[in-house]
Amino acid sequence: MTNKEVSVELVVGSQTIILGTEQICDVIRSFPDIDSNSKIFSEFAKSPSYKVRAEVASKDNLDEGTVNCLSNDTEIEVLRELIRSQAARKHLKEEQFIKILEKDGEVASRIASTLELFENVDTQKIAELILNNDDPSIRQQLASNYSAPKKILIKLTKDSDPDVANSAKQTISR
């Protein structure tokens, strides 16, 4: 990710003020989340402030380049916001997805519960990775996902954690 200074100036009449990070975040939140704003979101994604990048990551109308940039972010909060966005579901490639999946339990849990929404991934392969996750709460999210691959759900019915196994059994029975 290329971080560069991102500055926003507010000009009112003859007066100019430079906005700080919190105000920039407010500006991003106030921008309509529409495709025509994707270029400005792309510029904000280059900010050195993780708060600004996280605000951008929460937007659904990001172009592929911005999603790629944000997917390489080192800040977990940025990745957590990104994985929630429709832009990530549309643009993330499988290798990026796997990299993000392995970085954080909350991100992995969210992926497990919404796996079917991601367009450019092999859901069977991702479900297998989640199946082998050490954290039973992450496996339980997958076990509760009605769209999880049936073969994976069957394997989860034999999970060593009884909550995971029971969730998988309930999901299969519905």
C-alpha atoms as a PDB file:
ATOM      1  CA  MET A   1       0.000   0.000   0.000  1.00  0.00           C
ATOM      2  CA  THR A   2       1.292   3.411  -0.903  1.00  0.00           C
ATOM      3  CA  ASN A   3       0.699   5.809   1.936  1.00  0.00           C
ATOM      4  CA  LYS A   4       0.895   9.453   1.148  1.00  0.00           C
ATOM      5  CA  GLU A   5      -0.328  12.530   2.851  1.00  0.00           C
ATOM      6  CA  VAL A   6      -4.006  12.961   2.311  1.00  0.00           C
ATOM      7  CA  SER A   7      -5.181  16.426   3.093  1.00  0.00           C
ATOM      8  CA  VAL A   8      -8.570  17.993   2.857  1.00  0.00           C
ATOM      9  CA  GLU A   9      -9.056  21.731   2.888  1.00  0.00           C
ATOM     10  CA  LEU A  10     -12.322  23.450   3.576  1.00  0.00           C
ATOM     11  CA  VAL A  11     -12.659  26.833   1.933  1.00  0.00           C
ATOM     12  CA  VAL A  12     -15.398  29.155   3.138  1.00  0.00           C
ATOM     13  CA  GLY A  13     -15.202  32.533   1.483  1.00  0.00           C
ATOM     14  CA  SER A  14     -11.655  33.717   1.995  1.00  0.00           C
ATOM     15  CA  GLN A  15     -11.028  31.364   4.919  1.00  0.00           C
ATOM     16  CA  THR A  16      -9.273  28.013   4.502  1.00  0.00           C
ATOM     17  CA  ILE A  17      -8.865  25.357   7.146  1.00  0.00           C
ATOM     18  CA  ILE A  18      -7.162  22.000   6.908  1.00  0.00           C
ATOM     19  CA  LEU A  19      -9.261  19.134   8.222  1.00  0.00           C
ATOM     20  CA  GLY A  20      -7.810  16.663  10.699  1.00  0.00           C
ATOM     21  CA  THR A  21      -8.194  12.907  10.621  1.00  0.00           C
ATOM     22  CA  GLU A  22     -11.515  12.854  12.484  1.00  0.00           C
ATOM     23  CA  GLN A  23     -13.017  15.459  10.167  1.00  0.00           C
ATOM     24  CA  ILE A  24     -11.740  13.566   7.122  1.00  0.00           C
ATOM     25  CA  CYS A  25     -13.478  10.450   8.462  1.00  0.00           C
ATOM     26  CA  ASP A  26     -16.665  12.493   8.834  1.00  0.00           C
ATOM     27  CA  VAL A  27     -16.314  13.677   5.242  1.00  0.00           C
ATOM     28  CA  ILE A  28     -15.915  10.099   3.986  1.00  0.00           C
ATOM     29  CA  ARG A  29     -18.960   8.971   5.989  1.00  0.00           C
ATOM     30  CA  SER A  30     -20.982  11.834   4.529  1.00  0.00           C
ATOM     31  CA  PHE A  31     -20.098  11.007   0.906  1.00  0.00           C
ATOM     32  CA  PRO A  32     -22.822   8.969  -0.785  1.00  0.00           C
ATOM     33  CA  ASP A  33     -21.685   5.389  -1.266  1.00  0.00           C
ATOM     34  CA  ILE A  34     -22.140   5.451  -5.035  1.00  0.00           C
ATOM     35  CA  ASP A  35     -19.979   4.363  -7.931  1.00  0.00           C
ATOM     36  CA  SER A  36     -19.211   7.900  -9.063  1.00  0.00           C
ATOM     37  CA  ASN A  37     -17.379   8.490  -5.752  1.00  0.00           C
ATOM     38  CA  SER A  38     -15.082   5.481  -6.122  1.00  0.00           C
ATOM     39  CA  LYS A  39     -12.192   7.639  -7.408  1.00  0.00           C
ATOM     40  CA  ILE A  40     -12.230   9.881  -4.330  1.00  0.00           C
ATOM     41  CA  PHE A  41     -12.479   6.808  -2.094  1.00  0.00           C
ATOM     42  CA  SER A  42      -9.423   5.471  -3.897  1.00  0.00           C
ATOM     43  CA  GLU A  43      -7.461   8.597  -2.986  1.00  0.00           C
ATOM     44  CA  PHE A  44      -8.532   8.400   0.652  1.00  0.00           C
ATOM     45  CA  ALA A  45      -7.458   4.718   0.730  1.00  0.00           C
ATOM     46  CA  LYS A  46      -3.853   5.912   0.414  1.00  0.00           C
ATOM     47  CA  SER A  47      -4.023   7.812   3.704  1.00  0.00           C
ATOM     48  CA  PRO A  48      -1.433   7.074   6.385  1.00  0.00           C
ATOM     49  CA  SER A  49      -4.306   7.046   8.909  1.00  0.00           C
ATOM     50  CA  TYR A  50      -5.786   3.614   9.531  1.00  0.00           C
ATOM     51  CA  LYS A  51      -9.009   5.324  10.654  1.00  0.00           C
ATOM     52  CA  VAL A  52      -9.377   6.986   7.262  1.00  0.00           C
ATOM     53  CA  ARG A  53      -8.566   3.733   5.450  1.00  0.00           C
ATOM     54  CA  ALA A  54     -11.098   1.854   7.606  1.00  0.00           C
ATOM     55  CA  GLU A  55     -13.796   4.379   6.690  1.00  0.00           C
ATOM     56  CA  VAL A  56     -13.007   3.839   3.024  1.00  0.00           C
ATOM     57  CA  ALA A  57     -12.964   0.060   3.480  1.00  0.00           C
ATOM     58  CA  SER A  58     -16.517   0.173   4.803  1.00  0.00           C
ATOM     59  CA  LYS A  59     -17.809   1.553   1.498  1.00  0.00           C
ATOM     60  CA  ASP A  60     -19.553  -0.774  -0.952  1.00  0.00           C
ATOM     61  CA  ASN A  61     -18.665   1.125  -4.118  1.00  0.00           C
ATOM     62  CA  LEU A  62     -14.917   0.715  -4.350  1.00  0.00           C
ATOM     63  CA  ASP A  63     -13.065  -0.137  -7.527  1.00  0.00           C
ATOM     64  CA  GLU A  64     -10.926  -3.236  -7.806  1.00  0.00           C
ATOM     65  CA  GLY A  65      -7.671  -1.299  -7.343  1.00  0.00           C
ATOM     66  CA  THR A  66      -8.871   0.190  -4.069  1.00  0.00           C
ATOM     67  CA  VAL A  67      -9.986  -3.216  -2.793  1.00  0.00           C
ATOM     68  CA  ASN A  68      -6.567  -4.638  -3.759  1.00  0.00           C
ATOM     69  CA  CYS A  69      -4.810  -1.797  -1.945  1.00  0.00           C
ATOM     70  CA  LEU A  70      -6.910  -2.197   1.201  1.00  0.00           C
ATOM     71  CA  SER A  71      -6.627  -6.004   1.186  1.00  0.00           C
ATOM     72  CA  ASN A  72      -2.892  -5.605   1.783  1.00  0.00           C
ATOM     73  CA  ASP A  73      -3.398  -3.308   4.766  1.00  0.00           C
ATOM     74  CA  THR A  74      -1.564  -4.237   7.954  1.00  0.00           C
ATOM     75  CA  GLU A  75      -4.281  -2.866  10.231  1.00  0.00           C
ATOM     76  CA  ILE A  76      -6.879  -5.431  11.277  1.00  0.00           C
ATOM     77  CA  GLU A  77      -9.606  -2.785  11.628  1.00  0.00           C
ATOM     78  CA  VAL A  78      -9.235  -1.946   7.938  1.00  0.00           C
ATOM     79  CA  LEU A  79      -9.522  -5.618   6.980  1.00  0.00           C
ATOM     80  CA  ARG A  80     -12.544  -6.098   9.253  1.00  0.00           C
ATOM     81  CA  GLU A  81     -14.330  -3.233   7.537  1.00  0.00           C
ATOM     82  CA  LEU A  82     -13.278  -4.379   4.088  1.00  0.00           C
ATOM     83  CA  ILE A  83     -14.571  -7.921   4.511  1.00  0.00           C
ATOM     84  CA  ARG A  84     -18.028  -6.519   5.341  1.00  0.00           C
ATOM     85  CA  SER A  85     -18.254  -4.526   2.134  1.00  0.00           C
ATOM     86  CA  GLN A  86     -19.932  -5.526  -1.092  1.00  0.00           C
ATOM     87  CA  ALA A  87     -16.816  -4.326  -2.891  1.00  0.00           C
ATOM     88  CA  ALA A  88     -14.753  -7.058  -1.223  1.00  0.00           C
ATOM     89  CA  ARG A  89     -17.356  -9.665  -2.127  1.00  0.00           C
ATOM     90  CA  LYS A  90     -17.129  -8.567  -5.731  1.00  0.00           C
ATOM     91  CA  HIS A  91     -13.410  -7.899  -6.203  1.00  0.00           C
ATOM     92  CA  LEU A  92     -11.362 -10.000  -3.771  1.00  0.00           C
ATOM     93  CA  LYS A  93      -9.449 -12.784  -5.452  1.00  0.00           C
ATOM     94  CA  GLU A  94      -9.063 -16.142  -3.743  1.00  0.00           C
ATOM     95  CA  GLU A  95      -5.411 -15.662  -2.743  1.00  0.00           C
ATOM     96  CA  GLN A  96      -6.198 -12.265  -1.172  1.00  0.00           C
ATOM     97  CA  PHE A  97      -9.188 -13.783   0.549  1.00  0.00           C
ATOM     98  CA  ILE A  98      -7.129 -16.589   2.085  1.00  0.00           C
ATOM     99  CA  LYS A  99      -4.495 -14.138   3.269  1.00  0.00           C
ATOM    100  CA  ILE A 100      -7.115 -12.014   5.014  1.00  0.00           C
ATOM    101  CA  LEU A 101      -8.862 -15.080   6.435  1.00  0.00           C
ATOM    102  CA  GLU A 102      -5.699 -16.153   8.231  1.00  0.00           C
ATOM    103  CA  LYS A 103      -5.007 -12.785   9.890  1.00  0.00           C
ATOM    104  CA  ASP A 104      -7.833 -12.397  12.395  1.00  0.00           C
ATOM    105  CA  GLY A 105     -10.446 -14.489  14.187  1.00  0.00           C
ATOM    106  CA  GLU A 106     -13.221 -11.939  13.791  1.00  0.00           C
ATOM    107  CA  VAL A 107     -12.557 -11.682  10.071  1.00  0.00           C
ATOM    108  CA  ALA A 108     -12.487 -15.482   9.747  1.00  0.00           C
ATOM    109  CA  SER A 109     -15.736 -15.740  11.692  1.00  0.00           C
ATOM    110  CA  ARG A 110     -17.457 -13.200   9.451  1.00  0.00           C
ATOM    111  CA  ILE A 111     -16.207 -15.001   6.354  1.00  0.00           C
ATOM    112  CA  ALA A 112     -17.468 -18.326   7.702  1.00  0.00           C
ATOM    113  CA  SER A 113     -20.949 -16.928   8.227  1.00  0.00           C
ATOM    114  CA  THR A 114     -21.171 -15.208   4.813  1.00  0.00           C
ATOM    115  CA  LEU A 115     -19.007 -17.438   2.637  1.00  0.00           C
ATOM    116  CA  GLU A 116     -21.580 -17.777  -0.136  1.00  0.00           C
ATOM    117  CA  LEU A 117     -21.581 -14.022  -0.795  1.00  0.00           C
ATOM    118  CA  PHE A 118     -18.025 -13.884  -2.151  1.00  0.00           C
ATOM    119  CA  GLU A 119     -17.941 -14.115  -5.933  1.00  0.00           C
ATOM    120  CA  ASN A 120     -14.339 -14.942  -6.850  1.00  0.00           C
ATOM    121  CA  VAL A 121     -13.542 -17.770  -4.456  1.00  0.00           C
ATOM    122  CA  ASP A 122     -13.910 -21.522  -4.379  1.00  0.00           C
ATOM    123  CA  THR A 123     -16.278 -21.824  -1.416  1.00  0.00           C
ATOM    124  CA  GLN A 124     -15.407 -25.500  -0.939  1.00  0.00           C
ATOM    125  CA  LYS A 125     -11.712 -24.631  -0.608  1.00  0.00           C
ATOM    126  CA  ILE A 126     -12.367 -21.755   1.805  1.00  0.00           C
ATOM    127  CA  ALA A 127     -14.774 -23.891   3.840  1.00  0.00           C
ATOM    128  CA  GLU A 128     -12.048 -26.566   4.122  1.00  0.00           C
ATOM    129  CA  LEU A 129      -9.642 -23.951   5.487  1.00  0.00           C
ATOM    130  CA  ILE A 130     -12.220 -22.817   8.032  1.00  0.00           C
ATOM    131  CA  LEU A 131     -13.002 -26.441   8.906  1.00  0.00           C
ATOM    132  CA  ASN A 132      -9.354 -26.855   9.931  1.00  0.00           C
ATOM    133  CA  ASN A 133      -9.241 -23.657  11.992  1.00  0.00           C
ATOM    134  CA  ASP A 134      -8.220 -24.231  15.611  1.00  0.00           C
ATOM    135  CA  ASP A 135     -10.856 -21.836  16.947  1.00  0.00           C
ATOM    136  CA  PRO A 136     -14.176 -23.621  17.556  1.00  0.00           C
ATOM    137  CA  SER A 137     -16.141 -20.350  17.466  1.00  0.00           C
ATOM    138  CA  ILE A 138     -15.014 -19.830  13.867  1.00  0.00           C
ATOM    139  CA  ARG A 139     -15.940 -23.411  12.942  1.00  0.00           C
ATOM    140  CA  GLN A 140     -19.309 -22.880  14.625  1.00  0.00           C
ATOM    141  CA  GLN A 141     -20.022 -19.908  12.356  1.00  0.00           C
ATOM    142  CA  LEU A 142     -19.423 -22.173   9.383  1.00  0.00           C
ATOM    143  CA  ALA A 143     -21.536 -24.930  10.950  1.00  0.00           C
ATOM    144  CA  SER A 144     -24.431 -22.461  11.289  1.00  0.00           C
ATOM    145  CA  ASN A 145     -24.177 -21.280   7.682  1.00  0.00           C
ATOM    146  CA  TYR A 146     -27.031 -22.813   5.659  1.00  0.00           C
ATOM    147  CA  SER A 147     -25.084 -22.162   2.462  1.00  0.00           C
ATOM    148  CA  ALA A 148     -21.957 -24.017   3.595  1.00  0.00           C
ATOM    149  CA  PRO A 149     -21.061 -26.995   1.430  1.00  0.00           C
ATOM    150  CA  LYS A 150     -22.989 -30.060   2.595  1.00  0.00           C
ATOM    151  CA  LYS A 151     -19.823 -32.209   2.753  1.00  0.00           C
ATOM    152  CA  ILE A 152     -18.267 -29.693   5.132  1.00  0.00           C
ATOM    153  CA  LEU A 153     -21.374 -29.581   7.314  1.00  0.00           C
ATOM    154  CA  ILE A 154     -21.331 -33.377   7.558  1.00  0.00           C
ATOM    155  CA  LYS A 155     -17.694 -33.264   8.689  1.00  0.00           C
ATOM    156  CA  LEU A 156     -18.582 -30.604  11.244  1.00  0.00           C
ATOM    157  CA  THR A 157     -21.222 -32.881  12.805  1.00  0.00           C
ATOM    158  CA  LYS A 158     -18.244 -34.898  14.101  1.00  0.00           C
ATOM    159  CA  ASP A 159     -16.352 -31.861  15.419  1.00  0.00           C
ATOM    160  CA  SER A 160     -14.568 -32.291  18.751  1.00  0.00           C
ATOM    161  CA  ASP A 161     -16.432 -29.257  20.095  1.00  0.00           C
ATOM    162  CA  PRO A 162     -20.021 -30.273  20.927  1.00  0.00           C
ATOM    163  CA  ASP A 163     -21.386 -26.796  20.136  1.00  0.00           C
ATOM    164  CA  VAL A 164     -19.918 -26.938  16.647  1.00  0.00           C
ATOM    165  CA  ALA A 165     -21.203 -30.473  16.084  1.00  0.00           C
ATOM    166  CA  ASN A 166     -24.692 -29.560  17.316  1.00  0.00           C
ATOM    167  CA  SER A 167     -24.814 -26.428  15.145  1.00  0.00           C
ATOM    168  CA  ALA A 168     -23.885 -28.457  12.090  1.00  0.00           C
ATOM    169  CA  LYS A 169     -26.554 -31.047  12.885  1.00  0.00           C
ATOM    170  CA  GLN A 170     -29.179 -28.326  13.295  1.00  0.00           C
ATOM    171  CA  THR A 171     -28.146 -26.662  10.045  1.00  0.00           C
ATOM    172  CA  ILE A 172     -28.354 -29.941   8.126  1.00  0.00           C
ATOM    173  CA  SER A 173     -31.762 -30.778   9.599  1.00  0.00           C
ATOM    174  CA  ARG A 174     -33.358 -27.522   8.439  1.00  0.00           C
END
